[in-house]
PDB file of N, CA and C in Angstrom:
ATOM      1  N   UNK A   1     -58.492   0.678  56.530  1.00  0.00           N
ATOM      2  CA  UNK A   1     -58.990  -0.632  56.208  1.00  0.00           C
ATOM      3  C   UNK A   1     -58.415  -1.540  55.259  1.00  0.00           C
ATOM      4  N   UNK A   2     -57.827  -2.729  55.581  1.00  0.00           N
ATOM      5  CA  UNK A   2     -57.267  -3.621  54.810  1.00  0.00           C
ATOM      6  C   UNK A   2     -58.202  -4.023  53.674  1.00  0.00           C
ATOM      7  N   UNK A   3     -57.958  -4.437  52.383  1.00  0.00           N
ATOM      8  CA  UNK A   3     -58.344  -5.248  51.483  1.00  0.00           C
ATOM      9  C   UNK A   3     -58.971  -6.469  51.935  1.00  0.00           C
ATOM     10  N   UNK A   4     -58.331  -7.203  53.040  1.00  0.00           N
ATOM     11  CA  UNK A   4     -58.784  -8.625  53.355  1.00  0.00           C
ATOM     12  C   UNK A   4     -60.062  -8.071  54.295  1.00  0.00           C
ATOM     13  N   UNK A   5     -59.858  -6.969  55.314  1.00  0.00           N
ATOM     14  CA  UNK A   5     -60.959  -6.612  56.298  1.00  0.00           C
ATOM     15  C   UNK A   5     -62.355  -6.329  54.973  1.00  0.00           C
ATOM     16  N   UNK A   6     -62.004  -5.549  54.308  1.00  0.00           N
ATOM     17  CA  UNK A   6     -62.998  -5.358  53.263  1.00  0.00           C
ATOM     18  C   UNK A   6     -63.809  -6.730  52.539  1.00  0.00           C
ATOM     19  N   UNK A   7     -62.993  -7.194  52.383  1.00  0.00           N
ATOM     20  CA  UNK A   7     -63.452  -8.497  51.534  1.00  0.00           C
ATOM     21  C   UNK A   7     -64.080  -9.432  52.767  1.00  0.00           C
ATOM     22  N   UNK A   8     -63.779  -9.419  53.827  1.00  0.00           N
ATOM     23  CA  UNK A   8     -64.360  -9.766  54.949  1.00  0.00           C
ATOM     24  C   UNK A   8     -65.706  -9.548  55.190  1.00  0.00           C
ATOM     25  N   UNK A   9     -65.726  -8.313  55.240  1.00  0.00           N
ATOM     26  CA  UNK A   9     -67.015  -7.298  55.635  1.00  0.00           C
ATOM     27  C   UNK A   9     -67.924  -7.636  54.493  1.00  0.00           C
ATOM     28  N   UNK A  10     -67.710  -7.469  53.341  1.00  0.00           N
ATOM     29  CA  UNK A  10     -68.525  -7.551  52.012  1.00  0.00           C
ATOM     30  C   UNK A  10     -69.141  -9.080  52.001  1.00  0.00           C
ATOM     31  N   UNK A  11     -68.227 -10.152  52.489  1.00  0.00           N
ATOM     32  CA  UNK A  11     -68.878 -11.563  52.467  1.00  0.00           C
ATOM     33  C   UNK A  11     -69.794 -11.677  53.521  1.00  0.00           C
ATOM     34  N   UNK A  12     -69.409 -10.995  54.754  1.00  0.00           N
ATOM     35  CA  UNK A  12     -70.379 -11.109  55.843  1.00  0.00           C
ATOM     36  C   UNK A  12     -71.594 -10.391  55.263  1.00  0.00           C
ATOM     37  N   UNK A  13     -71.608  -9.380  54.557  1.00  0.00           N
ATOM     38  CA  UNK A  13     -72.976  -8.436  54.321  1.00  0.00           C
ATOM     39  C   UNK A  13     -73.568  -9.158  53.230  1.00  0.00           C
ATOM     40  N   UNK A  14     -72.748 -10.082  52.414  1.00  0.00           N
ATOM     41  CA  UNK A  14     -73.611 -10.460  51.240  1.00  0.00           C
ATOM     42  C   UNK A  14     -74.330 -11.747  51.827  1.00  0.00           C
ATOM     43  N   UNK A  15     -74.093 -12.420  53.099  1.00  0.00           N
ATOM     44  CA  UNK A  15     -74.715 -13.726  53.834  1.00  0.00           C
ATOM     45  C   UNK A  15     -75.701 -12.993  54.546  1.00  0.00           C
ATOM     46  N   UNK A  16     -75.780 -11.758  54.916  1.00  0.00           N
ATOM     47  CA  UNK A  16     -76.813 -11.201  55.636  1.00  0.00           C
ATOM     48  C   UNK A  16     -78.249 -11.393  55.192  1.00  0.00           C
ATOM     49  N   UNK A  17     -79.256 -12.089  55.702  1.00  0.00           N
ATOM     50  CA  UNK A  17     -80.182 -12.466  55.260  1.00  0.00           C
ATOM     51  C   UNK A  17     -81.464 -11.000  55.420  1.00  0.00           C
ATOM     52  N   UNK A  18     -81.126 -10.053  54.256  1.00  0.00           N
ATOM     53  CA  UNK A  18     -81.990  -8.755  54.348  1.00  0.00           C
ATOM     54  C   UNK A  18     -83.250  -8.994  54.557  1.00  0.00           C
ATOM     55  N   UNK A  19     -83.937  -9.839  53.726  1.00  0.00           N
ATOM     56  CA  UNK A  19     -85.412 -10.020  53.931  1.00  0.00           C
ATOM     57  C   UNK A  19     -85.944 -10.272  55.224  1.00  0.00           C
ATOM     58  N   UNK A  20     -85.213 -11.359  56.008  1.00  0.00           N
ATOM     59  CA  UNK A  20     -85.279 -11.530  57.250  1.00  0.00           C
ATOM     60  C   UNK A  20     -85.519 -10.592  58.168  1.00  0.00           C
ATOM     61  N   UNK A  21     -84.053  -9.916  58.008  1.00  0.00           N
ATOM     62  CA  UNK A  21     -83.999  -8.624  59.024  1.00  0.00           C
ATOM     63  C   UNK A  21     -84.836  -7.722  59.089  1.00  0.00           C
ATOM     64  N   UNK A  22     -85.361  -7.303  57.703  1.00  0.00           N
ATOM     65  CA  UNK A  22     -86.301  -6.152  57.639  1.00  0.00           C
ATOM     66  C   UNK A  22     -87.472  -6.860  58.145  1.00  0.00           C
ATOM     67  N   UNK A  23     -88.059  -7.822  58.203  1.00  0.00           N
ATOM     68  CA  UNK A  23     -89.582  -8.231  58.544  1.00  0.00           C
ATOM     69  C   UNK A  23     -89.371  -8.135  59.921  1.00  0.00           C
ATOM     70  N   UNK A  24     -88.209  -8.506  60.768  1.00  0.00           N
ATOM     71  CA  UNK A  24     -88.179  -8.840  61.948  1.00  0.00           C
ATOM     72  C   UNK A  24     -87.847  -7.150  62.440  1.00  0.00           C
ATOM     73  N   UNK A  25     -87.330  -6.598  61.731  1.00  0.00           N
ATOM     74  CA  UNK A  25     -87.159  -5.126  62.271  1.00  0.00           C
ATOM     75  C   UNK A  25     -88.296  -4.293  62.411  1.00  0.00           C
ATOM     76  N   UNK A  26     -88.984  -4.220  61.240  1.00  0.00           N
ATOM     77  CA  UNK A  26     -90.070  -3.901  61.059  1.00  0.00           C
ATOM     78  C   UNK A  26     -91.498  -4.023  62.028  1.00  0.00           C
ATOM     79  N   UNK A  27     -91.521  -5.257  62.545  1.00  0.00           N
ATOM     80  CA  UNK A  27     -92.730  -5.924  63.013  1.00  0.00           C
ATOM     81  C   UNK A  27     -92.026  -5.404  64.575  1.00  0.00           C
ATOM     82  N   UNK A  28     -90.800  -5.274  64.978  1.00  0.00           N
ATOM     83  CA  UNK A  28     -90.532  -4.888  66.227  1.00  0.00           C
ATOM     84  C   UNK A  28     -90.549  -3.494  66.407  1.00  0.00           C
ATOM     85  N   UNK A  29     -90.541  -2.631  65.299  1.00  0.00           N
ATOM     86  CA  UNK A  29     -90.488  -1.019  65.256  1.00  0.00           C
ATOM     87  C   UNK A  29     -91.980  -0.891  65.794  1.00  0.00           C
ATOM     88  N   UNK A  30     -92.822  -1.584  65.024  1.00  0.00           N
ATOM     89  CA  UNK A  30     -94.206  -1.494  65.380  1.00  0.00           C
ATOM     90  C   UNK A  30     -94.990  -1.857  66.504  1.00  0.00           C
ATOM     91  N   UNK A  31     -94.314  -2.963  67.083  1.00  0.00           N
ATOM     92  CA  UNK A  31     -94.692  -3.449  68.392  1.00  0.00           C
ATOM     93  C   UNK A  31     -94.133  -2.773  69.454  1.00  0.00           C
ATOM     94  N   UNK A  32     -93.116  -1.712  69.210  1.00  0.00           N
ATOM     95  CA  UNK A  32     -92.987  -0.697  70.504  1.00  0.00           C
ATOM     96  C   UNK A  32     -93.273   0.383  70.037  1.00  0.00           C
ATOM     97  N   UNK A  33     -93.950   0.667  69.298  1.00  0.00           N
ATOM     98  CA  UNK A  33     -94.382   2.092  68.722  1.00  0.00           C
ATOM     99  C   UNK A  33     -95.523   2.515  69.484  1.00  0.00           C
ATOM    100  N   UNK A  34     -95.960   3.745  69.729  1.00  0.00           N
ATOM    101  CA  UNK A  34     -97.045   4.064  70.955  1.00  0.00           C
ATOM    102  C   UNK A  34     -98.491   3.693  70.128  1.00  0.00           C
ATOM    103  N   UNK A  35     -99.345   3.090  70.625  1.00  0.00           N
ATOM    104  CA  UNK A  35    -100.526   3.160  69.566  1.00  0.00           C
ATOM    105  C   UNK A  35    -101.417   4.126  69.523  1.00  0.00           C
ATOM    106  N   UNK A  36    -102.051   4.664  68.574  1.00  0.00           N
ATOM    107  CA  UNK A  36    -102.730   5.724  68.335  1.00  0.00           C
ATOM    108  C   UNK A  36    -104.303   5.135  68.058  1.00  0.00           C
ATOM    109  N   UNK A  37    -105.612   6.173  68.559  1.00  0.00           N
ATOM    110  CA  UNK A  37    -106.782   5.723  68.300  1.00  0.00           C
ATOM    111  C   UNK A  37    -106.997   6.459  66.478  1.00  0.00           C
ATOM    112  N   UNK A  38    -108.154   5.827  66.234  1.00  0.00           N
ATOM    113  CA  UNK A  38    -108.580   5.966  64.883  1.00  0.00           C
ATOM    114  C   UNK A  38    -108.744   7.333  64.553  1.00  0.00           C
ATOM    115  N   UNK A  39    -108.027   8.032  63.732  1.00  0.00           N
ATOM    116  CA  UNK A  39    -108.343   9.407  63.401  1.00  0.00           C
ATOM    117  C   UNK A  39    -107.636  10.397  64.963  1.00  0.00           C
ATOM    118  N   UNK A  40    -107.138   9.776  65.599  1.00  0.00           N
ATOM    119  CA  UNK A  40    -106.307  10.454  66.789  1.00  0.00           C
ATOM    120  C   UNK A  40    -105.512  11.442  66.471  1.00  0.00           C
ATOM    121  N   UNK A  41    -104.626  11.450  65.947  1.00  0.00           N
ATOM    122  CA  UNK A  41    -103.124  12.229  65.566  1.00  0.00           C
ATOM    123  C   UNK A  41    -103.059  12.288  64.019  1.00  0.00           C
ATOM    124  N   UNK A  42    -102.920  13.546  63.515  1.00  0.00           N
ATOM    125  CA  UNK A  42    -102.606  13.425  61.980  1.00  0.00           C
ATOM    126  C   UNK A  42    -101.100  13.412  62.247  1.00  0.00           C
ATOM    127  N   UNK A  43    -100.459  12.813  61.456  1.00  0.00           N
ATOM    128  CA  UNK A  43     -99.173  12.690  61.289  1.00  0.00           C
ATOM    129  C   UNK A  43     -98.292  12.501  59.849  1.00  0.00           C
ATOM    130  N   UNK A  44     -97.222  12.657  59.434  1.00  0.00           N
ATOM    131  CA  UNK A  44     -96.561  12.191  58.272  1.00  0.00           C
ATOM    132  C   UNK A  44     -96.841  11.067  57.813  1.00  0.00           C
ATOM    133  N   UNK A  45     -97.344  11.075  56.322  1.00  0.00           N
ATOM    134  CA  UNK A  45     -97.111   9.952  55.718  1.00  0.00           C
ATOM    135  C   UNK A  45     -96.543  10.052  54.061  1.00  0.00           C
ATOM    136  N   UNK A  46     -96.454   8.633  53.703  1.00  0.00           N
ATOM    137  CA  UNK A  46     -95.527   8.582  52.219  1.00  0.00           C
ATOM    138  C   UNK A  46     -97.006   8.392  51.278  1.00  0.00           C
ATOM    139  N   UNK A  47     -98.099   8.232  51.795  1.00  0.00           N
ATOM    140  CA  UNK A  47     -98.972   7.573  50.998  1.00  0.00           C
ATOM    141  C   UNK A  47     -99.616   8.714  50.113  1.00  0.00           C
ATOM    142  N   UNK A  48     -99.467   8.543  48.819  1.00  0.00           N
ATOM    143  CA  UNK A  48     -99.650   9.488  48.024  1.00  0.00           C
ATOM    144  C   UNK A  48    -101.018   9.718  47.712  1.00  0.00           C
ATOM    145  N   UNK A  49    -102.082   8.762  47.987  1.00  0.00           N
ATOM    146  CA  UNK A  49    -103.368   9.118  48.105  1.00  0.00           C
ATOM    147  C   UNK A  49    -103.752   9.882  49.188  1.00  0.00           C
ATOM    148  N   UNK A  50    -103.304   9.861  50.570  1.00  0.00           N
ATOM    149  CA  UNK A  50    -103.731  10.666  51.596  1.00  0.00           C
ATOM    150  C   UNK A  50    -102.972  12.245  51.465  1.00  0.00           C
ATOM    151  N   UNK A  51    -101.584  12.224  50.708  1.00  0.00           N
ATOM    152  CA  UNK A  51    -101.150  13.400  50.469  1.00  0.00           C
ATOM    153  C   UNK A  51    -102.088  14.148  49.853  1.00  0.00           C
ATOM    154  N   UNK A  52    -102.647  13.721  48.650  1.00  0.00           N
ATOM    155  CA  UNK A  52    -103.594  14.334  47.568  1.00  0.00           C
ATOM    156  C   UNK A  52    -104.907  14.675  48.220  1.00  0.00           C
ATOM    157  N   UNK A  53    -104.982  14.324  49.662  1.00  0.00           N
ATOM    158  CA  UNK A  53    -106.144  14.658  50.210  1.00  0.00           C
ATOM    159  C   UNK A  53    -107.259  13.780  50.071  1.00  0.00           C
ATOM    160  N   UNK A  54    -107.264  12.454  49.443  1.00  0.00           N
ATOM    161  CA  UNK A  54    -108.033  11.627  49.601  1.00  0.00           C
ATOM    162  C   UNK A  54    -108.245  10.874  51.193  1.00  0.00           C
ATOM    163  N   UNK A  55    -109.323  10.694  51.386  1.00  0.00           N
ATOM    164  CA  UNK A  55    -109.664   9.846  52.577  1.00  0.00           C
ATOM    165  C   UNK A  55    -109.174   8.350  52.683  1.00  0.00           C
ATOM    166  N   UNK A  56    -109.538   7.867  51.524  1.00  0.00           N
ATOM    167  CA  UNK A  56    -109.812   6.323  51.185  1.00  0.00           C
ATOM    168  C   UNK A  56    -108.255   6.006  50.722  1.00  0.00           C
ATOM    169  N   UNK A  57    -107.715   4.820  51.357  1.00  0.00           N
ATOM    170  CA  UNK A  57    -106.668   4.440  50.756  1.00  0.00           C
ATOM    171  C   UNK A  57    -106.600   2.830  51.079  1.00  0.00           C
ATOM    172  N   UNK A  58    -106.258   1.852  50.381  1.00  0.00           N
ATOM    173  CA  UNK A  58    -106.448   0.274  50.765  1.00  0.00           C
ATOM    174  C   UNK A  58    -105.309  -0.167  51.708  1.00  0.00           C
ATOM    175  N   UNK A  59    -104.188   0.724  51.906  1.00  0.00           N
ATOM    176  CA  UNK A  59    -103.199   0.219  52.701  1.00  0.00           C
ATOM    177  C   UNK A  59    -103.002   1.089  54.024  1.00  0.00           C
ATOM    178  N   UNK A  60    -103.553   2.470  54.136  1.00  0.00           N
ATOM    179  CA  UNK A  60    -103.431   3.310  55.263  1.00  0.00           C
ATOM    180  C   UNK A  60    -104.381   2.684  56.442  1.00  0.00           C
ATOM    181  N   UNK A  61    -103.397   2.819  57.394  1.00  0.00           N
ATOM    182  CA  UNK A  61    -104.066   2.434  58.907  1.00  0.00           C
ATOM    183  C   UNK A  61    -103.437   0.657  59.229  1.00  0.00           C
ATOM    184  N   UNK A  62    -102.600   0.382  58.090  1.00  0.00           N
ATOM    185  CA  UNK A  62    -102.192  -0.886  58.383  1.00  0.00           C
ATOM    186  C   UNK A  62    -101.429  -1.277  59.449  1.00  0.00           C
ATOM    187  N   UNK A  63    -100.132  -0.472  59.560  1.00  0.00           N
ATOM    188  CA  UNK A  63     -99.000  -0.167  60.374  1.00  0.00           C
ATOM    189  C   UNK A  63     -99.850   0.433  62.044  1.00  0.00           C
ATOM    190  N   UNK A  64    -100.810   1.195  61.848  1.00  0.00           N
ATOM    191  CA  UNK A  64    -101.498   1.224  63.223  1.00  0.00           C
ATOM    192  C   UNK A  64    -102.027   0.048  63.556  1.00  0.00           C
ATOM    193  N   UNK A  65    -102.673  -0.704  62.801  1.00  0.00           N
ATOM    194  CA  UNK A  65    -103.526  -2.078  63.140  1.00  0.00           C
ATOM    195  C   UNK A  65    -102.637  -2.920  63.612  1.00  0.00           C
ATOM    196  N   UNK A  66    -101.367  -3.074  62.973  1.00  0.00           N
ATOM    197  CA  UNK A  66    -100.405  -4.152  63.649  1.00  0.00           C
ATOM    198  C   UNK A  66     -99.889  -3.505  65.099  1.00  0.00           C
ATOM    199  N   UNK A  67     -99.735  -2.317  65.250  1.00  0.00           N
ATOM    200  CA  UNK A  67     -99.333  -1.803  66.492  1.00  0.00           C
ATOM    201  C   UNK A  67    -100.360  -1.937  67.617  1.00  0.00           C
ATOM    202  N   UNK A  68    -101.831  -1.623  67.242  1.00  0.00           N
ATOM    203  CA  UNK A  68    -102.770  -1.895  68.173  1.00  0.00           C
ATOM    204  C   UNK A  68    -102.655  -3.560  68.731  1.00  0.00           C
ATOM    205  N   UNK A  69    -102.778  -4.288  67.521  1.00  0.00           N
ATOM    206  CA  UNK A  69    -102.463  -5.695  67.651  1.00  0.00           C
ATOM    207  C   UNK A  69    -101.609  -6.229  68.946  1.00  0.00           C
ATOM    208  N   UNK A  70    -100.106  -5.745  68.753  1.00  0.00           N
ATOM    209  CA  UNK A  70     -99.096  -6.208  69.577  1.00  0.00           C
ATOM    210  C   UNK A  70     -99.309  -5.386  70.817  1.00  0.00           C
ATOM    211  N   UNK A  71    -100.237  -4.456  71.054  1.00  0.00           N
ATOM    212  CA  UNK A  71    -100.431  -3.908  72.267  1.00  0.00           C
ATOM    213  C   UNK A  71    -101.756  -4.492  73.045  1.00  0.00           C
ATOM    214  N   UNK A  72    -102.384  -5.617  72.298  1.00  0.00           N
ATOM    215  CA  UNK A  72    -103.590  -6.175  72.998  1.00  0.00           C
ATOM    216  C   UNK A  72    -105.117  -5.834  72.465  1.00  0.00           C
ATOM    217  N   UNK A  73    -105.082  -4.840  71.820  1.00  0.00           N
ATOM    218  CA  UNK A  73    -106.487  -3.998  71.448  1.00  0.00           C
ATOM    219  C   UNK A  73    -106.807  -4.568  70.401  1.00  0.00           C
ATOM    220  N   UNK A  74    -107.637  -5.861  70.291  1.00  0.00           N
ATOM    221  CA  UNK A  74    -107.587  -6.524  69.177  1.00  0.00           C
ATOM    222  C   UNK A  74    -108.920  -5.843  68.455  1.00  0.00           C
ATOM    223  N   UNK A  75    -109.652  -5.056  68.919  1.00  0.00           N
ATOM    224  CA  UNK A  75    -111.072  -4.776  68.314  1.00  0.00           C
ATOM    225  C   UNK A  75    -110.634  -2.975  67.675  1.00  0.00           C
ATOM    226  N   UNK A  76    -109.632  -2.435  68.213  1.00  0.00           N
ATOM    227  CA  UNK A  76    -109.154  -1.350  67.710  1.00  0.00           C
ATOM    228  C   UNK A  76    -108.303  -1.497  66.464  1.00  0.00           C
ATOM    229  N   UNK A  77    -107.432  -2.501  66.639  1.00  0.00           N
ATOM    230  CA  UNK A  77    -106.959  -3.215  65.493  1.00  0.00           C
ATOM    231  C   UNK A  77    -107.778  -3.392  64.164  1.00  0.00           C
ATOM    232  N   UNK A  78    -108.710  -4.349  64.498  1.00  0.00           N
ATOM    233  CA  UNK A  78    -109.687  -4.375  63.330  1.00  0.00           C
ATOM    234  C   UNK A  78    -110.229  -2.791  63.065  1.00  0.00           C
ATOM    235  N   UNK A  79    -110.468  -2.090  63.633  1.00  0.00           N
ATOM    236  CA  UNK A  79    -111.112  -1.035  63.261  1.00  0.00           C
ATOM    237  C   UNK A  79    -109.999  -0.137  62.450  1.00  0.00           C
ATOM    238  N   UNK A  80    -109.011  -0.026  62.643  1.00  0.00           N
ATOM    239  CA  UNK A  80    -107.782   0.644  62.103  1.00  0.00           C
ATOM    240  C   UNK A  80    -107.647   0.109  60.537  1.00  0.00           C
ATOM    241  N   UNK A  81    -107.392  -1.249  60.596  1.00  0.00           N
ATOM    242  CA  UNK A  81    -107.378  -2.039  59.087  1.00  0.00           C
ATOM    243  C   UNK A  81    -107.704  -3.150  59.531  1.00  0.00           C
ATOM    244  N   UNK A  82    -108.762  -3.505  58.847  1.00  0.00           N
ATOM    245  CA  UNK A  82    -109.119  -5.422  58.920  1.00  0.00           C
ATOM    246  C   UNK A  82    -108.155  -6.126  58.583  1.00  0.00           C
ATOM    247  N   UNK A  83    -107.106  -5.627  57.608  1.00  0.00           N
ATOM    248  CA  UNK A  83    -105.748  -6.518  56.865  1.00  0.00           C
ATOM    249  C   UNK A  83    -104.750  -6.724  58.209  1.00  0.00           C
ATOM    250  N   UNK A  84    -104.907  -6.128  59.029  1.00  0.00           N
ATOM    251  CA  UNK A  84    -103.644  -6.145  60.474  1.00  0.00           C
ATOM    252  C   UNK A  84    -103.511  -7.372  60.823  1.00  0.00           C
ATOM    253  N   UNK A  85    -104.375  -8.003  61.312  1.00  0.00           N
ATOM    254  CA  UNK A  85    -104.305  -9.454  61.980  1.00  0.00           C
ATOM    255  C   UNK A  85    -103.590 -10.563  60.631  1.00  0.00           C
ATOM    256  N   UNK A  86    -104.428 -10.854  59.561  1.00  0.00           N
ATOM    257  CA  UNK A  86    -103.850 -11.224  58.651  1.00  0.00           C
ATOM    258  C   UNK A  86    -102.427 -11.098  58.064  1.00  0.00           C
ATOM    259  N   UNK A  87    -102.279 -10.033  58.158  1.00  0.00           N
ATOM    260  CA  UNK A  87    -100.613  -9.460  57.703  1.00  0.00           C
ATOM    261  C   UNK A  87     -99.748 -10.022  58.650  1.00  0.00           C
ATOM    262  N   UNK A  88    -100.163  -9.754  59.910  1.00  0.00           N
ATOM    263  CA  UNK A  88     -99.149 -10.359  61.128  1.00  0.00           C
ATOM    264  C   UNK A  88     -99.057 -11.854  60.835  1.00  0.00           C
ATOM    265  N   UNK A  89     -99.871 -12.431  60.585  1.00  0.00           N
ATOM    266  CA  UNK A  89     -99.793 -14.000  60.428  1.00  0.00           C
ATOM    267  C   UNK A  89     -99.407 -14.526  59.233  1.00  0.00           C
ATOM    268  N   UNK A  90     -99.133 -13.864  58.243  1.00  0.00           N
ATOM    269  CA  UNK A  90     -98.614 -14.111  57.077  1.00  0.00           C
ATOM    270  C   UNK A  90     -96.849 -13.554  57.303  1.00  0.00           C
ATOM    271  N   UNK A  91     -96.725 -12.364  57.860  1.00  0.00           N
ATOM    272  CA  UNK A  91     -95.356 -11.910  58.091  1.00  0.00           C
ATOM    273  C   UNK A  91     -94.371 -12.686  58.923  1.00  0.00           C
ATOM    274  N   UNK A  92     -95.575 -13.216  60.041  1.00  0.00           N
ATOM    275  CA  UNK A  92     -94.996 -14.333  60.955  1.00  0.00           C
ATOM    276  C   UNK A  92     -94.774 -15.495  60.222  1.00  0.00           C
ATOM    277  N   UNK A  93     -95.391 -16.089  59.615  1.00  0.00           N
ATOM    278  CA  UNK A  93     -95.118 -17.138  58.741  1.00  0.00           C
ATOM    279  C   UNK A  93     -93.864 -17.016  57.829  1.00  0.00           C
ATOM    280  N   UNK A  94     -93.645 -16.174  57.220  1.00  0.00           N
ATOM    281  CA  UNK A  94     -92.811 -15.676  56.008  1.00  0.00           C
ATOM    282  C   UNK A  94     -91.176 -15.642  57.205  1.00  0.00           C
ATOM    283  N   UNK A  95     -91.451 -15.254  58.475  1.00  0.00           N
ATOM    284  CA  UNK A  95     -90.224 -15.112  59.213  1.00  0.00           C
ATOM    285  C   UNK A  95     -90.050 -16.314  59.422  1.00  0.00           C
ATOM    286  N   UNK A  96     -90.800 -17.370  60.021  1.00  0.00           N
ATOM    287  CA  UNK A  96     -90.360 -18.820  60.209  1.00  0.00           C
ATOM    288  C   UNK A  96     -89.898 -19.604  59.181  1.00  0.00           C
ATOM    289  N   UNK A  97     -90.239 -19.181  58.095  1.00  0.00           N
ATOM    290  CA  UNK A  97     -89.678 -19.905  56.648  1.00  0.00           C
ATOM    291  C   UNK A  97     -88.400 -19.402  56.213  1.00  0.00           C
ATOM    292  N   UNK A  98     -88.295 -18.026  56.762  1.00  0.00           N
ATOM    293  CA  UNK A  98     -86.770 -17.562  56.282  1.00  0.00           C
ATOM    294  C   UNK A  98     -85.981 -18.256  57.129  1.00  0.00           C
ATOM    295  N   UNK A  99     -86.432 -18.070  58.529  1.00  0.00           N
ATOM    296  CA  UNK A  99     -85.339 -18.590  59.715  1.00  0.00           C
ATOM    297  C   UNK A  99     -84.864 -20.116  59.614  1.00  0.00           C
ATOM    298  N   UNK A 100     -86.047 -20.913  59.333  1.00  0.00           N
ATOM    299  CA  UNK A 100     -85.819 -22.474  58.774  1.00  0.00           C
ATOM    300  C   UNK A 100     -84.729 -22.382  57.721  1.00  0.00           C
ATOM    301  N   UNK A 101     -85.147 -21.794  56.998  1.00  0.00           N
ATOM    302  CA  UNK A 101     -83.945 -21.758  55.460  1.00  0.00           C
ATOM    303  C   UNK A 101     -82.510 -21.375  55.905  1.00  0.00           C
ATOM    304  N   UNK A 102     -82.448 -20.403  56.702  1.00  0.00           N
ATOM    305  CA  UNK A 102     -80.871 -19.949  57.303  1.00  0.00           C
ATOM    306  C   UNK A 102     -80.330 -20.784  57.988  1.00  0.00           C
ATOM    307  N   UNK A 103     -81.363 -21.245  59.054  1.00  0.00           N
ATOM    308  CA  UNK A 103     -80.985 -22.305  59.761  1.00  0.00           C
ATOM    309  C   UNK A 103     -80.243 -23.406  59.302  1.00  0.00           C
ATOM    310  N   UNK A 104     -80.923 -24.112  58.286  1.00  0.00           N
ATOM    311  CA  UNK A 104     -80.673 -25.259  57.260  1.00  0.00           C
ATOM    312  C   UNK A 104     -79.260 -24.684  56.551  1.00  0.00           C
ATOM    313  N   UNK A 105     -79.383 -23.672  55.768  1.00  0.00           N
ATOM    314  CA  UNK A 105     -78.113 -23.037  55.241  1.00  0.00           C
ATOM    315  C   UNK A 105     -76.923 -23.096  55.592  1.00  0.00           C
ATOM    316  N   UNK A 106     -76.963 -22.440  57.200  1.00  0.00           N
ATOM    317  CA  UNK A 106     -75.992 -22.115  58.017  1.00  0.00           C
ATOM    318  C   UNK A 106     -75.442 -23.490  58.460  1.00  0.00           C
ATOM    319  N   UNK A 107     -76.476 -24.509  58.905  1.00  0.00           N
ATOM    320  CA  UNK A 107     -76.019 -26.122  59.205  1.00  0.00           C
ATOM    321  C   UNK A 107     -75.305 -26.839  58.127  1.00  0.00           C
ATOM    322  N   UNK A 108     -75.354 -26.855  56.919  1.00  0.00           N
ATOM    323  CA  UNK A 108     -75.124 -27.244  55.859  1.00  0.00           C
ATOM    324  C   UNK A 108     -73.813 -26.682  55.429  1.00  0.00           C
ATOM    325  N   UNK A 109     -73.459 -25.657  55.826  1.00  0.00           N
ATOM    326  CA  UNK A 109     -72.210 -24.687  55.663  1.00  0.00           C
ATOM    327  C   UNK A 109     -71.182 -25.278  56.718  1.00  0.00           C
ATOM    328  N   UNK A 110     -71.753 -25.530  57.802  1.00  0.00           N
ATOM    329  CA  UNK A 110     -70.671 -26.145  59.140  1.00  0.00           C
ATOM    330  C   UNK A 110     -70.231 -27.711  58.523  1.00  0.00           C
ATOM    331  N   UNK A 111     -71.224 -28.486  57.894  1.00  0.00           N
ATOM    332  CA  UNK A 111     -70.733 -29.763  57.633  1.00  0.00           C
ATOM    333  C   UNK A 111     -69.805 -29.932  56.424  1.00  0.00           C
TER     334      UNK A 111
END
């Protein structure tokens, strides 16, 4: 690898809208995931409360709720976690805001 190639790659990576990419990737992965019913499958989790054996956690089920919502199961989505629908709305608005910002930034860069 030449120094010029490394510099170009670092500049390109520096301009990458990381937050936008992560939100879009996260929602895409949740949208293509297989939906599970409430308490249907035990899975690996990073949640410290669930790993300590506690049944209640304020965030557990949010991803499953979003997956159910993307598959059109509104009632199951609400049953998994009541914040799933507001989370999709808030993340969607954040994606729109970040996209508009990136659009304007690229438009000003070309002028």
